[in-house]
Amino acid sequence: MNPGNNQRLYINEVATRDGFQMEGHFIPTDDKIALIDQLGTLGYAKIEVTSFTSPKAIPALRDGEEVMARIARQPGVVYTALVPNLRGAERALDVHIDEFNVVMSTSETHNLSNLRMTREQSFAQLAEVIGLARGANVPVNVSLSCVFGCPTEGEVPQETVMGWIDRFAALGVKGITLCDTTGMAYPTQVQTLCGAAMARHPGLEFTAHFHNTRAMGLVNTVAAVEAGIRRIDMSLGGIGGCPYAPGATGNVATEDVVHMLQCMGYDTGMDLDGLLAAAAQVGRLVQHDLPSQLPRAGHRLTRHQPPADFPEIVARAAARDAKRDTTETLS
């Protein structure tokens, strides 16, 4: 029996925010919109469209309002965006965002490096954003960075992670994303932390978010799913990264992870051929090679033509059999 047993998983795409913000050149607005419209037809549960961070801070996503306003929204797909503060929240509400995704780190050093605030300052700011969202009847997801480790502090204690989950749960958020921001997670750790978080807050929607920095992204995904996680962030082509994690690579590649999960018998609801076409488009937009593997090798059961001289190989093999049969008869 397949381990997946047709269990339903929900796939979230983050390339258009987490990925594009790391690129060295601006992706044209029309191209972003066309890609997101393409993605909306492929079976995603959620697409992180953009960020409402200051355009000066992330110029690659300075067109956030226009992109969110112009995309063709598909029924059943949640169109979310990163919302860092009250000003960003107001901008997001103006274009009728489906969900706020707010971010802070469970590591004090990483939070200061990335957001220029202490964790307490971030929490106070995000509590205001969550209050505004609640008043507008917009759900909030909290992405907690570095829950599996920090490149400057090392291990982040599980009780520290749980403490921040508790505080956001008390504010009435809908979901929590457990982020392996720097690619430090390993499978048994993933199973322990995910299992503990879900047991402590069974009413929250938990999402797993892995990077492939140390080539454990896919196995960590399996560990999270086996622990009971049903929502997973991933990025087409494996683009993305973290500027405050030395050597960090991109997110787990959507097409690689979906292919793996489908082979295992899980129902992802995704169009894998459509993902491969979309990943090719991402490669054209970012103008560099992608780290994902599936576009190179194809599906597991992709068929290839035998060598050009295969008929001659078959004929020689048959001749050897005939010669052996003749020898055995004479003897």
Protein backbone atom coordinates (compact mmCIF):
# COMPACT_ATOMS: atom_id res chain seq x y z
CA MET A 1 0.00 0.00 0.00
CA ASN A 2 1.25 3.50 -0.76
CA PRO A 3 2.12 5.44 2.42
CA GLY A 4 0.08 8.36 1.15
CA ASN A 5 -3.13 6.33 0.95
CA ASN A 6 -4.64 9.21 -1.08
CA GLN A 7 -4.41 11.64 1.82
CA ARG A 8 -5.02 15.22 0.68
CA LEU A 9 -2.16 17.70 0.92
CA TYR A 10 -2.38 21.42 0.22
CA ILE A 11 0.38 23.08 -1.78
CA ASN A 12 1.34 26.74 -1.38
CA GLU A 13 3.49 28.54 -3.97
CA VAL A 14 5.98 31.16 -2.72
CA ALA A 15 8.17 31.77 -5.80
CA THR A 16 6.40 34.97 -6.75
CA ARG A 17 7.25 36.54 -3.38
CA ASP A 18 9.95 34.60 -1.52
CA GLY A 19 11.67 33.74 -4.79
CA PHE A 20 11.38 36.92 -6.83
CA GLN A 21 12.49 39.17 -3.98
CA MET A 22 15.92 37.49 -4.09
CA GLU A 23 16.47 38.06 -7.81
CA GLY A 24 18.97 40.64 -8.97
CA HIS A 25 16.75 42.19 -11.61
CA PHE A 26 13.15 43.39 -11.70
CA ILE A 27 10.64 40.91 -13.17
CA PRO A 28 8.24 42.96 -15.36
CA THR A 29 4.79 43.42 -13.86
CA ASP A 30 2.96 41.93 -16.84
CA ASP A 31 5.14 38.82 -16.63
CA LYS A 32 4.40 38.39 -12.92
CA ILE A 33 0.68 38.68 -13.57
CA ALA A 34 0.78 36.20 -16.46
CA LEU A 35 2.70 33.68 -14.33
CA ILE A 36 0.34 33.99 -11.37
CA ASP A 37 -2.66 33.59 -13.68
CA GLN A 38 -1.01 30.44 -15.03
CA LEU A 39 -0.37 29.12 -11.51
CA GLY A 40 -3.96 29.72 -10.48
CA THR A 41 -5.11 26.95 -12.83
CA LEU A 42 -2.70 24.25 -11.58
CA GLY A 43 -4.35 23.16 -8.32
CA TYR A 44 -2.65 25.29 -5.69
CA ALA A 45 -4.34 25.89 -2.35
CA LYS A 46 -2.50 29.19 -1.89
CA ILE A 47 -0.24 31.53 -3.87
CA GLU A 48 1.92 34.11 -2.10
CA VAL A 49 1.62 36.82 -4.71
CA THR A 50 3.84 39.62 -3.47
CA SER A 51 4.96 41.70 -0.50
CA PHE A 52 3.62 44.99 0.84
CA THR A 53 6.97 45.89 2.32
CA SER A 54 8.37 49.33 1.49
CA PRO A 55 9.40 49.51 -2.19
CA LYS A 56 12.72 50.95 -1.01
CA ALA A 57 13.36 47.84 1.07
CA ILE A 58 12.35 45.33 -1.63
CA PRO A 59 12.37 47.09 -5.01
CA ALA A 60 11.83 43.77 -6.81
CA LEU A 61 8.24 43.78 -5.49
CA ARG A 62 7.48 47.48 -5.75
CA ASP A 63 4.52 46.67 -8.02
CA GLY A 64 2.65 44.72 -5.34
CA GLU A 65 -0.61 46.67 -5.56
CA GLU A 66 -0.80 46.50 -9.34
CA VAL A 67 -0.05 42.79 -9.43
CA MET A 68 -2.61 41.95 -6.75
CA ALA A 69 -5.24 44.15 -8.38
CA ARG A 70 -4.82 42.74 -11.88
CA ILE A 71 -4.44 38.98 -11.36
CA ALA A 72 -7.30 36.69 -12.39
CA ARG A 73 -8.36 35.04 -9.16
CA GLN A 74 -9.43 31.42 -9.35
CA PRO A 75 -12.14 30.04 -7.03
CA GLY A 76 -10.70 28.02 -4.17
CA VAL A 77 -7.22 29.58 -4.38
CA VAL A 78 -6.09 31.85 -1.52
CA TYR A 79 -4.10 34.83 -2.79
CA THR A 80 -1.90 35.94 0.08
CA ALA A 81 0.99 38.39 0.51
CA LEU A 82 3.56 39.37 3.09
CA VAL A 83 2.28 42.23 5.24
CA PRO A 84 4.98 43.71 7.52
CA ASN A 85 3.24 46.62 9.26
CA LEU A 86 0.12 48.77 9.44
CA ARG A 87 1.00 50.75 6.32
CA GLY A 88 1.52 47.54 4.38
CA ALA A 89 -1.75 46.19 5.77
CA GLU A 90 -3.65 49.24 4.56
CA ARG A 91 -2.13 48.87 1.08
CA ALA A 92 -3.07 45.19 1.06
CA LEU A 93 -6.67 45.86 2.09
CA ASP A 94 -7.03 48.38 -0.73
CA VAL A 95 -6.52 45.58 -3.27
CA HIS A 96 -8.69 43.04 -1.42
CA ILE A 97 -6.08 40.57 -0.31
CA ASP A 98 -7.41 37.15 0.77
CA GLU A 99 -5.01 36.67 3.69
CA PHE A 100 -2.26 38.52 5.55
CA ASN A 101 1.01 36.64 5.93
CA VAL A 102 3.04 38.26 8.74
CA VAL A 103 6.62 37.30 9.55
CA MET A 104 8.96 37.39 12.51
CA SER A 105 11.83 35.24 13.73
CA THR A 106 11.99 33.08 16.82
CA SER A 107 15.70 34.00 17.00
CA GLU A 108 16.51 37.41 18.48
CA THR A 109 19.69 37.81 16.43
CA HIS A 110 18.04 36.82 13.16
CA ASN A 111 15.04 39.08 13.84
CA LEU A 112 17.33 42.06 14.49
CA SER A 113 19.40 41.28 11.39
CA ASN A 114 16.41 40.71 9.10
CA LEU A 115 13.76 43.08 10.46
CA ARG A 116 15.87 45.60 12.42
CA MET A 117 13.70 45.03 15.49
CA THR A 118 13.74 42.94 18.64
CA ARG A 119 11.26 40.09 18.76
CA GLU A 120 9.12 42.00 21.26
CA GLN A 121 9.05 45.02 18.94
CA SER A 122 8.05 42.79 16.01
CA PHE A 123 5.32 41.13 18.05
CA ALA A 124 3.87 44.49 19.12
CA GLN A 125 3.84 45.71 15.50
CA LEU A 126 2.30 42.51 14.19
CA ALA A 127 -0.34 42.53 16.94
CA GLU A 128 -1.54 45.85 15.49
CA VAL A 129 -1.63 44.34 12.00
CA ILE A 130 -3.59 41.35 13.28
CA GLY A 131 -6.05 43.68 14.98
CA LEU A 132 -6.60 45.58 11.73
CA ALA A 133 -7.07 42.30 9.84
CA ARG A 134 -9.59 41.06 12.37
CA GLY A 135 -11.58 44.27 11.98
CA ALA A 136 -11.57 43.80 8.19
CA ASN A 137 -12.47 40.09 8.51
CA VAL A 138 -9.23 39.03 6.78
CA PRO A 139 -7.52 35.87 8.11
CA VAL A 140 -3.89 36.00 9.23
CA ASN A 141 -1.11 33.45 8.88
CA VAL A 142 2.09 33.89 10.88
CA SER A 143 5.37 32.70 9.37
CA LEU A 144 7.82 32.02 12.20
CA SER A 145 11.39 32.05 10.91
CA CYS A 146 14.30 29.98 12.22
CA VAL A 147 12.18 27.54 14.22
CA PHE A 148 14.62 24.75 13.32
CA GLY A 149 17.80 26.71 14.02
CA CYS A 150 19.56 30.06 13.60
CA PRO A 151 22.87 30.52 11.75
CA THR A 152 24.18 32.85 14.47
CA GLU A 153 22.58 31.47 17.65
CA GLY A 154 22.51 27.78 16.79
CA GLU A 155 19.62 25.75 18.17
CA VAL A 156 16.41 27.61 18.95
CA PRO A 157 14.86 25.85 21.96
CA GLN A 158 11.53 24.17 21.23
CA GLU A 159 9.97 25.89 24.24
CA THR A 160 10.91 29.25 22.69
CA VAL A 161 9.15 28.32 19.45
CA MET A 162 6.09 27.09 21.36
CA GLY A 163 5.99 30.29 23.36
CA TRP A 164 5.68 32.40 20.22
CA ILE A 165 3.06 30.07 18.77
CA ASP A 166 1.09 30.43 22.02
CA ARG A 167 1.21 34.22 21.86
CA PHE A 168 0.02 34.43 18.27
CA ALA A 169 -2.66 31.80 18.85
CA ALA A 170 -3.99 33.98 21.66
CA LEU A 171 -4.45 36.80 19.11
CA GLY A 172 -6.77 34.61 17.04
CA VAL A 173 -4.61 33.96 13.97
CA LYS A 174 -5.75 31.28 11.55
CA GLY A 175 -2.45 29.55 10.88
CA ILE A 176 1.25 29.25 11.68
CA THR A 177 4.00 28.43 9.21
CA LEU A 178 7.01 26.65 10.70
CA CYS A 179 9.90 27.98 8.62
CA ASP A 180 13.25 26.34 8.09
CA THR A 181 14.52 29.71 6.91
CA THR A 182 18.17 28.76 6.83
CA GLY A 183 18.01 25.09 5.85
CA MET A 184 19.12 23.77 9.25
CA ALA A 185 16.26 21.31 9.85
CA TYR A 186 16.67 17.53 9.93
CA PRO A 187 13.93 14.89 9.78
CA THR A 188 13.63 13.70 13.40
CA GLN A 189 13.69 17.30 14.60
CA VAL A 190 10.97 18.16 12.10
CA GLN A 191 8.77 15.31 13.28
CA THR A 192 9.20 16.24 16.95
CA LEU A 193 8.52 19.95 16.54
CA CYS A 194 5.63 19.60 14.10
CA GLY A 195 4.00 16.92 16.23
CA ALA A 196 4.34 19.00 19.39
CA ALA A 197 2.95 22.15 17.76
CA MET A 198 -0.10 20.38 16.33
CA ALA A 199 -0.82 18.58 19.60
CA ARG A 200 -0.63 21.86 21.52
CA HIS A 201 -2.83 23.84 19.11
CA PRO A 202 -5.05 21.43 17.16
CA GLY A 203 -7.27 24.29 15.98
CA LEU A 204 -4.50 26.08 14.08
CA GLU A 205 -3.61 25.41 10.45
CA PHE A 206 0.08 24.53 10.46
CA THR A 207 2.23 24.83 7.33
CA ALA A 208 5.79 23.56 6.79
CA HIS A 209 8.30 25.71 4.90
CA PHE A 210 11.67 24.17 4.02
CA HIS A 211 14.82 25.33 2.25
CA ASN A 212 17.18 22.90 0.58
CA THR A 213 20.44 24.42 1.81
CA ARG A 214 21.84 21.11 3.06
CA ALA A 215 19.98 18.85 0.60
CA MET A 216 17.45 17.74 3.23
CA GLY A 217 14.47 19.70 1.95
CA LEU A 218 12.61 16.74 0.42
CA VAL A 219 13.21 14.35 3.30
CA ASN A 220 12.19 17.06 5.77
CA THR A 221 8.98 17.48 3.78
CA VAL A 222 8.26 13.78 4.13
CA ALA A 223 8.99 13.98 7.86
CA ALA A 224 6.55 16.88 8.26
CA VAL A 225 3.82 15.08 6.32
CA GLU A 226 4.33 11.90 8.35
CA ALA A 227 3.99 14.02 11.50
CA GLY A 228 0.58 15.21 10.27
CA ILE A 229 1.34 18.46 8.44
CA ARG A 230 -1.03 18.88 5.49
CA ARG A 231 0.03 22.30 4.15
CA ILE A 232 3.43 22.89 2.56
CA ASP A 233 5.18 25.95 1.14
CA MET A 234 7.40 25.47 -1.90
CA SER A 235 8.91 27.46 -4.74
CA LEU A 236 8.92 26.71 -8.47
CA GLY A 237 12.40 25.89 -9.67
CA GLY A 238 13.69 26.00 -6.08
CA ILE A 239 14.34 29.76 -6.20
CA GLY A 240 14.50 31.90 -3.07
CA GLY A 241 16.81 32.11 -0.10
CA CYS A 242 17.66 34.20 2.94
CA PRO A 243 20.12 37.12 2.83
CA TYR A 244 20.98 36.58 6.52
CA ALA A 245 21.88 32.90 6.23
CA PRO A 246 25.39 32.36 4.81
CA GLY A 247 25.29 29.76 2.04
CA ALA A 248 21.51 29.47 2.09
CA THR A 249 19.86 28.19 -1.05
CA GLY A 250 16.29 28.40 -2.22
CA ASN A 251 13.09 26.78 -1.07
CA VAL A 252 12.27 23.18 -1.89
CA ALA A 253 11.28 23.06 -5.55
CA THR A 254 7.55 22.71 -6.15
CA GLU A 255 7.85 20.35 -9.10
CA ASP A 256 10.34 18.10 -7.28
CA VAL A 257 8.25 17.88 -4.11
CA VAL A 258 4.92 17.37 -5.86
CA HIS A 259 6.42 14.61 -8.02
CA MET A 260 7.77 12.87 -4.91
CA LEU A 261 4.52 13.14 -2.99
CA GLN A 262 2.46 11.90 -5.91
CA CYS A 263 4.80 8.91 -6.31
CA MET A 264 4.17 8.16 -2.62
CA GLY A 265 0.43 8.11 -3.16
CA TYR A 266 -0.52 11.50 -1.71
CA ASP A 267 -3.24 13.55 -3.35
CA THR A 268 -1.71 16.99 -3.98
CA GLY A 269 -4.40 18.17 -6.38
CA MET A 270 -1.62 19.51 -8.61
CA ASP A 271 -1.10 19.36 -12.38
CA LEU A 272 2.50 18.16 -12.58
CA ASP A 273 2.91 18.76 -16.31
CA GLY A 274 1.55 22.26 -15.78
CA LEU A 275 4.09 22.80 -12.99
CA LEU A 276 6.93 21.82 -15.29
CA ALA A 277 5.71 24.32 -17.89
CA ALA A 278 5.43 27.02 -15.21
CA ALA A 279 8.91 26.22 -13.89
CA ALA A 280 10.28 26.66 -17.41
CA GLN A 281 8.62 30.07 -17.49
CA VAL A 282 10.19 30.96 -14.14
CA GLY A 283 13.60 30.02 -15.55
CA ARG A 284 13.05 32.37 -18.47
CA LEU A 285 12.00 35.20 -16.15
CA VAL A 286 14.91 34.91 -13.71
CA GLN A 287 17.41 34.32 -16.53
CA HIS A 288 19.53 31.72 -14.76
CA ASP A 289 19.59 27.96 -14.23
CA LEU A 290 17.18 26.58 -11.66
CA PRO A 291 18.29 24.13 -8.94
CA SER A 292 15.27 21.85 -9.32
CA GLN A 293 15.87 18.34 -10.68
CA LEU A 294 12.62 17.18 -12.27
CA PRO A 295 12.84 19.47 -15.33
CA ARG A 296 16.18 17.82 -16.14
CA ALA A 297 15.18 14.20 -15.66
CA GLY A 298 11.43 14.19 -16.25
CA HIS A 299 8.80 12.14 -14.42
CA ARG A 300 9.93 8.92 -12.77
CA LEU A 301 8.31 6.86 -15.56
CA THR A 302 9.43 9.09 -18.41
CA ARG A 303 10.27 6.78 -21.31
CA HIS A 304 13.35 7.18 -23.51
CA GLN A 305 14.24 5.69 -26.85
CA PRO A 306 16.84 2.89 -26.77
CA PRO A 307 20.21 3.48 -28.51
CA ALA A 308 20.15 3.99 -32.27
CA ASP A 309 21.87 0.64 -32.83
CA PHE A 310 19.40 -1.24 -30.61
CA PRO A 311 18.14 -3.52 -33.46
CA GLU A 312 21.72 -4.65 -34.09
CA ILE A 313 22.19 -5.26 -30.34
CA VAL A 314 19.07 -7.43 -30.29
CA ALA A 315 20.21 -9.33 -33.40
CA ARG A 316 23.65 -10.06 -31.92
CA ALA A 317 22.06 -11.25 -28.67
CA ALA A 318 19.76 -13.57 -30.65
CA ALA A 319 22.73 -14.89 -32.63
CA ARG A 320 24.56 -15.72 -29.40
CA ASP A 321 21.52 -17.67 -28.19
CA ALA A 322 21.32 -19.56 -31.50
CA LYS A 323 25.03 -20.40 -31.37
CA ARG A 324 24.73 -21.65 -27.78
CA ASP A 325 21.73 -23.81 -28.70
CA THR A 326 23.68 -25.32 -31.62
CA THR A 327 26.67 -26.05 -29.40
CA GLU A 328 24.50 -27.72 -26.77
CA THR A 329 22.83 -29.89 -29.45
CA LEU A 330 26.16 -31.09 -30.88
CA SER A 331 27.44 -31.95 -27.45
